[in-house]
């Protein structure tokens, strides 16, 4: 008699495609998971999808700013851990591909193999930096078009969604940024992402010019350049994917600082500002691992 299949936490399950999740009504709010625990909490909170952004991943994993210090080899291990912990569709930050068409091909195939549902590629020149920082530089439009064509050719599954991001708004203006986004869609990208609009007027212009394409916008709520509009208002302007690259990270870093300050001052852990052991065990699915241990007893050293 065949044993019933276990719901083992670390087994990857079939994921909804990115286009399927985009087909849902309303805006697609995408919190950023900087580690596996955060990805699991995002799922428990009821989100339909999430993102793994370079800003949060580098800040949490390495304690460094998002200024092109880490590339695919550094980030892929963290992305693998995060994707393994959460079955939701995930958008992964491919940065600028870390080089020429060879590097873009390796980056896309690598993240696709790890389970990315969508990957975004940007047109910043190296050394790149966070999209909400100043003094960004972009590569020529034709070079980015070539990179996107390489990404399309590298894609092993046509369901993997390619999101083309342009950072040209700050160095070249909104009209050139829109022209770039149009060229990137023509090159085969599935969606467009104009980083860094600073005003409602710029958001309206971008949304109107690119209406009909799946559009993304990012909101760095404290210290970012883009107005932190409600998700429904972004949706009304034409933006379906609303990325929050730092909201969870900033709150988590604040909470860690508070906990350490209280510990240094000899204050006890407040039951109103923390989980207890049972709650944490539920998040990390201790019961499922205990079930495996009970059903298949092994005496170590016997």
Protein backbone atom coordinates (compact mmCIF):
# COMPACT_ATOMS: atom_id res chain seq x y z
CA UNK A 1 0.00 0.00 0.00
CA UNK A 2 1.40 3.38 -1.02
CA UNK A 3 2.13 5.82 1.79
CA UNK A 4 0.18 9.11 1.61
CA UNK A 5 2.34 11.98 0.39
CA UNK A 6 3.69 14.29 3.04
CA UNK A 7 3.37 18.05 2.83
CA UNK A 8 7.11 18.51 3.30
CA UNK A 9 7.90 22.23 3.73
CA UNK A 10 10.99 22.41 1.51
CA UNK A 11 9.42 20.77 -1.55
CA UNK A 12 8.67 23.18 -4.38
CA UNK A 13 5.05 23.23 -5.42
CA UNK A 14 3.53 24.23 -8.73
CA UNK A 15 3.37 28.00 -9.00
CA UNK A 16 0.78 30.19 -10.62
CA UNK A 17 2.35 31.95 -13.61
CA UNK A 18 3.04 35.67 -13.46
CA UNK A 19 0.51 36.43 -16.17
CA UNK A 20 -2.13 34.48 -14.25
CA UNK A 21 -1.50 36.46 -11.09
CA UNK A 22 -1.60 39.70 -13.11
CA UNK A 23 -5.03 38.69 -14.41
CA UNK A 24 -6.55 39.12 -10.95
CA UNK A 25 -8.58 42.27 -10.38
CA UNK A 26 -6.96 45.13 -8.54
CA UNK A 27 -3.33 46.14 -8.06
CA UNK A 28 -0.65 43.52 -7.46
CA UNK A 29 1.07 44.66 -4.27
CA UNK A 30 4.57 43.19 -4.07
CA UNK A 31 6.40 43.31 -0.73
CA UNK A 32 10.09 42.42 -0.86
CA UNK A 33 11.41 39.33 0.91
CA UNK A 34 14.98 39.82 2.09
CA UNK A 35 15.19 36.29 3.53
CA UNK A 36 13.30 32.99 3.63
CA UNK A 37 11.46 33.78 6.87
CA UNK A 38 10.11 37.00 5.39
CA UNK A 39 8.91 35.15 2.28
CA UNK A 40 6.99 32.71 4.48
CA UNK A 41 5.45 35.59 6.44
CA UNK A 42 4.39 37.25 3.18
CA UNK A 43 2.55 34.08 2.23
CA UNK A 44 0.89 33.85 5.66
CA UNK A 45 -0.24 37.47 5.33
CA UNK A 46 -2.28 36.56 2.25
CA UNK A 47 -0.34 38.24 -0.57
CA UNK A 48 -0.76 36.78 -4.08
CA UNK A 49 2.91 37.24 -5.04
CA UNK A 50 6.10 38.91 -3.88
CA UNK A 51 9.49 40.16 -5.05
CA UNK A 52 13.13 39.56 -4.22
CA UNK A 53 14.80 42.94 -4.69
CA UNK A 54 18.51 43.65 -4.65
CA UNK A 55 18.17 46.56 -2.20
CA UNK A 56 16.65 44.44 0.56
CA UNK A 57 18.60 41.26 -0.17
CA UNK A 58 22.00 42.97 -0.13
CA UNK A 59 21.13 45.10 2.89
CA UNK A 60 19.98 42.13 4.97
CA UNK A 61 22.40 39.44 3.76
CA UNK A 62 25.58 41.50 3.54
CA UNK A 63 24.86 44.68 5.50
CA UNK A 64 25.90 46.78 2.53
CA UNK A 65 24.20 49.38 0.29
CA UNK A 66 22.79 48.54 -3.13
CA UNK A 67 25.67 50.00 -5.16
CA UNK A 68 26.75 47.11 -7.41
CA UNK A 69 29.01 45.39 -4.89
CA UNK A 70 27.23 42.03 -5.25
CA UNK A 71 26.36 40.25 -8.50
CA UNK A 72 24.63 37.03 -9.57
CA UNK A 73 27.05 34.70 -7.79
CA UNK A 74 26.60 36.58 -4.52
CA UNK A 75 22.84 36.97 -4.70
CA UNK A 76 21.71 33.66 -6.19
CA UNK A 77 22.24 31.68 -2.98
CA UNK A 78 19.98 34.07 -1.09
CA UNK A 79 17.38 33.99 -3.86
CA UNK A 80 17.44 30.17 -3.79
CA UNK A 81 16.78 30.10 -0.03
CA UNK A 82 13.93 32.57 -0.34
CA UNK A 83 12.18 30.86 -3.26
CA UNK A 84 12.50 27.46 -1.57
CA UNK A 85 10.60 28.77 1.46
CA UNK A 86 7.56 30.16 -0.35
CA UNK A 87 5.43 28.78 -3.19
CA UNK A 88 4.00 32.13 -4.27
CA UNK A 89 4.85 33.58 -7.70
CA UNK A 90 8.00 35.66 -7.33
CA UNK A 91 9.59 38.53 -9.24
CA UNK A 92 13.39 38.46 -8.99
CA UNK A 93 15.67 41.46 -9.49
CA UNK A 94 18.16 40.69 -12.29
CA UNK A 95 19.76 44.15 -11.98
CA UNK A 96 21.51 45.03 -15.27
CA UNK A 97 22.43 41.43 -16.03
CA UNK A 98 25.98 41.99 -14.70
CA UNK A 99 27.65 42.38 -18.07
CA UNK A 100 27.01 41.61 -21.72
CA UNK A 101 24.64 39.14 -23.39
CA UNK A 102 26.57 36.18 -21.93
CA UNK A 103 26.02 37.44 -18.41
CA UNK A 104 22.37 38.24 -19.07
CA UNK A 105 21.89 34.69 -20.36
CA UNK A 106 23.50 33.19 -17.28
CA UNK A 107 21.50 35.42 -14.93
CA UNK A 108 18.14 34.66 -16.54
CA UNK A 109 18.70 30.93 -16.84
CA UNK A 110 20.04 30.78 -13.31
CA UNK A 111 17.10 32.56 -11.72
CA UNK A 112 14.62 30.70 -13.90
CA UNK A 113 16.12 27.39 -12.74
CA UNK A 114 15.69 28.49 -9.13
CA UNK A 115 11.97 29.02 -9.70
CA UNK A 116 11.58 32.70 -10.58
CA UNK A 117 8.17 33.43 -12.11
CA UNK A 118 9.30 36.83 -13.39
CA UNK A 119 12.67 38.57 -13.72
CA UNK A 120 13.37 42.23 -14.31
CA UNK A 121 16.33 43.67 -16.18
CA UNK A 122 17.35 47.33 -16.02
CA UNK A 123 19.32 49.65 -18.30
CA UNK A 124 21.67 51.20 -15.76
CA UNK A 125 25.35 51.42 -16.58
CA UNK A 126 27.80 49.82 -14.18
CA UNK A 127 28.34 50.50 -11.39
CA UNK A 128 24.57 50.52 -10.88
CA UNK A 129 22.80 51.67 -7.75
CA UNK A 130 19.38 51.71 -6.09
CA UNK A 131 16.79 53.19 -8.43
CA UNK A 132 15.82 55.89 -5.92
CA UNK A 133 19.39 57.23 -5.63
CA UNK A 134 20.73 60.21 -7.58
CA UNK A 135 23.37 60.40 -10.32
CA UNK A 136 22.33 57.27 -12.20
CA UNK A 137 23.69 56.56 -15.66
CA UNK A 138 22.12 54.40 -18.36
CA UNK A 139 23.55 52.45 -21.28
CA UNK A 140 22.54 53.33 -24.85
CA UNK A 141 19.05 52.18 -25.80
CA UNK A 142 20.38 49.82 -28.48
CA UNK A 143 22.56 48.00 -25.93
CA UNK A 144 19.60 47.41 -23.64
CA UNK A 145 17.51 46.18 -26.56
CA UNK A 146 20.27 43.65 -27.31
CA UNK A 147 20.31 42.54 -23.67
CA UNK A 148 16.55 42.04 -23.69
CA UNK A 149 16.72 40.03 -26.90
CA UNK A 150 19.36 37.86 -25.23
CA UNK A 151 17.05 37.40 -22.24
CA UNK A 152 14.16 36.39 -24.49
CA UNK A 153 16.40 33.90 -26.29
CA UNK A 154 17.73 32.54 -22.97
CA UNK A 155 14.30 31.99 -21.46
CA UNK A 156 13.65 28.26 -21.10
CA UNK A 157 9.93 28.67 -20.39
CA UNK A 158 7.86 31.22 -22.29
CA UNK A 159 5.72 31.63 -19.18
CA UNK A 160 8.65 33.28 -17.39
CA UNK A 161 7.75 36.97 -17.43
CA UNK A 162 10.41 39.48 -18.51
CA UNK A 163 9.98 42.94 -17.01
CA UNK A 164 12.11 45.67 -18.60
CA UNK A 165 13.08 48.51 -16.29
CA UNK A 166 14.46 51.84 -17.42
CA UNK A 167 16.28 54.21 -15.09
CA UNK A 168 16.51 56.89 -17.78
CA UNK A 169 13.98 59.26 -16.24
CA UNK A 170 16.48 60.94 -13.92
CA UNK A 171 19.36 61.38 -16.41
CA UNK A 172 17.35 61.81 -19.65
CA UNK A 173 13.83 62.96 -18.71
CA UNK A 174 10.40 61.37 -18.81
CA UNK A 175 9.93 61.47 -22.59
CA UNK A 176 13.13 59.57 -23.27
CA UNK A 177 12.30 57.11 -20.50
CA UNK A 178 8.94 56.40 -22.18
CA UNK A 179 10.61 55.96 -25.58
CA UNK A 180 13.01 53.47 -24.03
CA UNK A 181 10.18 51.53 -22.42
CA UNK A 182 8.41 51.33 -25.77
CA UNK A 183 11.57 50.03 -27.46
CA UNK A 184 12.05 47.44 -24.74
CA UNK A 185 8.51 46.15 -25.16
CA UNK A 186 9.09 45.97 -28.91
CA UNK A 187 12.26 43.93 -28.21
CA UNK A 188 10.20 41.25 -26.48
CA UNK A 189 9.77 42.34 -22.87
CA UNK A 190 6.42 41.33 -21.36
CA UNK A 191 6.06 44.42 -19.19
CA UNK A 192 7.61 47.83 -18.54
CA UNK A 193 8.94 49.49 -15.40
CA UNK A 194 9.92 53.17 -15.43
CA UNK A 195 11.88 53.78 -12.24
CA UNK A 196 11.83 56.99 -10.25
CA UNK A 197 8.85 59.18 -11.24
CA UNK A 198 8.92 62.17 -8.88
CA UNK A 199 5.50 63.71 -9.41
CA UNK A 200 1.90 62.76 -10.00
CA UNK A 201 2.18 64.42 -13.42
CA UNK A 202 5.06 62.13 -14.42
CA UNK A 203 3.15 59.08 -13.24
CA UNK A 204 0.12 60.17 -15.28
CA UNK A 205 2.26 60.73 -18.39
CA UNK A 206 3.94 57.34 -18.11
CA UNK A 207 0.71 55.51 -17.44
CA UNK A 208 -1.06 57.17 -20.36
CA UNK A 209 1.79 56.65 -22.84
CA UNK A 210 2.31 52.97 -21.98
CA UNK A 211 -1.29 52.03 -21.28
CA UNK A 212 -2.06 48.54 -22.48
CA UNK A 213 1.26 47.08 -21.33
CA UNK A 214 1.66 45.56 -17.84
CA UNK A 215 3.33 48.40 -15.92
CA UNK A 216 5.31 48.40 -12.67
CA UNK A 217 6.25 51.16 -10.27
CA UNK A 218 8.27 51.04 -7.05
CA UNK A 219 7.53 52.90 -3.84
CA UNK A 220 10.31 53.42 -1.32
CA UNK A 221 7.99 54.79 1.33
CA UNK A 222 10.52 56.64 3.49
CA UNK A 223 13.22 58.46 1.55
CA UNK A 224 12.24 57.44 -1.98
CA UNK A 225 11.51 59.80 -4.86
CA UNK A 226 8.16 58.42 -6.07
CA UNK A 227 4.95 59.64 -4.37
CA UNK A 228 3.57 56.98 -2.04
CA UNK A 229 0.08 56.85 -3.49
CA UNK A 230 -2.45 54.21 -2.41
CA UNK A 231 -2.24 51.06 -4.58
CA UNK A 232 -5.71 51.65 -6.05
CA UNK A 233 -4.62 55.09 -7.24
CA UNK A 234 -1.54 53.64 -8.92
CA UNK A 235 -3.82 51.10 -10.57
CA UNK A 236 -6.10 53.88 -11.85
CA UNK A 237 -3.05 55.57 -13.38
CA UNK A 238 -2.21 52.39 -15.30
CA UNK A 239 0.27 50.65 -12.97
CA UNK A 240 -0.61 47.04 -12.16
CA UNK A 241 2.52 45.96 -10.25
CA UNK A 242 3.28 48.05 -7.15
CA UNK A 243 6.70 47.18 -5.74
CA UNK A 244 7.61 47.98 -2.13
CA UNK A 245 11.37 47.31 -2.02
CA UNK A 246 12.09 48.50 1.53
CA UNK A 247 8.87 48.63 3.59
CA UNK A 248 9.39 45.30 5.36
CA UNK A 249 13.17 45.74 5.64
CA UNK A 250 12.93 49.18 7.23
CA UNK A 251 10.34 47.98 9.75
CA UNK A 252 12.37 44.86 10.55
CA UNK A 253 15.62 46.82 11.04
CA UNK A 254 13.81 49.24 13.36
CA UNK A 255 12.37 46.36 15.40
CA UNK A 256 15.80 44.73 15.72
CA UNK A 257 17.32 47.99 16.93
CA UNK A 258 14.53 48.35 19.50
CA UNK A 259 14.99 44.78 20.73
CA UNK A 260 18.75 45.24 21.10
CA UNK A 261 18.34 48.55 22.92
CA UNK A 262 15.89 46.97 25.35
CA UNK A 263 18.22 44.00 25.88
CA UNK A 264 21.14 46.35 26.57
CA UNK A 265 18.99 48.24 29.09
CA UNK A 266 17.91 45.03 30.83
CA UNK A 267 14.27 45.36 29.79
CA UNK A 268 12.28 42.14 29.33
CA UNK A 269 10.83 41.12 25.98
CA UNK A 270 7.38 42.65 25.75
CA UNK A 271 4.52 40.23 24.96
CA UNK A 272 2.86 43.08 23.07
CA UNK A 273 5.82 43.62 20.73
CA UNK A 274 7.04 40.12 19.96
CA UNK A 275 6.08 36.57 19.09
CA UNK A 276 6.32 33.71 21.54
CA UNK A 277 7.89 30.31 20.95
CA UNK A 278 4.66 28.64 19.83
CA UNK A 279 3.91 31.34 17.28
CA UNK A 280 7.40 31.13 15.80
CA UNK A 281 7.23 27.34 15.62
CA UNK A 282 4.01 27.67 13.61
CA UNK A 283 5.70 30.02 11.12
CA UNK A 284 8.64 27.67 10.51
CA UNK A 285 6.26 24.66 10.31
CA UNK A 286 7.78 22.62 13.12
CA UNK A 287 4.72 20.37 13.16
CA UNK A 288 5.38 19.15 9.61
CA UNK A 289 8.98 18.25 10.37
CA UNK A 290 7.84 16.53 13.58
CA UNK A 291 5.38 14.48 11.52
CA UNK A 292 8.22 13.23 9.31
CA UNK A 293 10.30 12.33 12.37
CA UNK A 294 7.39 10.43 13.93
CA UNK A 295 6.30 8.53 10.81
CA UNK A 296 9.79 7.43 9.83
CA UNK A 297 11.70 6.82 13.06
CA UNK A 298 15.45 6.45 12.70
CA UNK A 299 17.74 5.67 15.61
CA UNK A 300 20.92 7.60 14.99
CA UNK A 301 23.96 5.57 15.92
CA UNK A 302 22.03 2.31 16.34
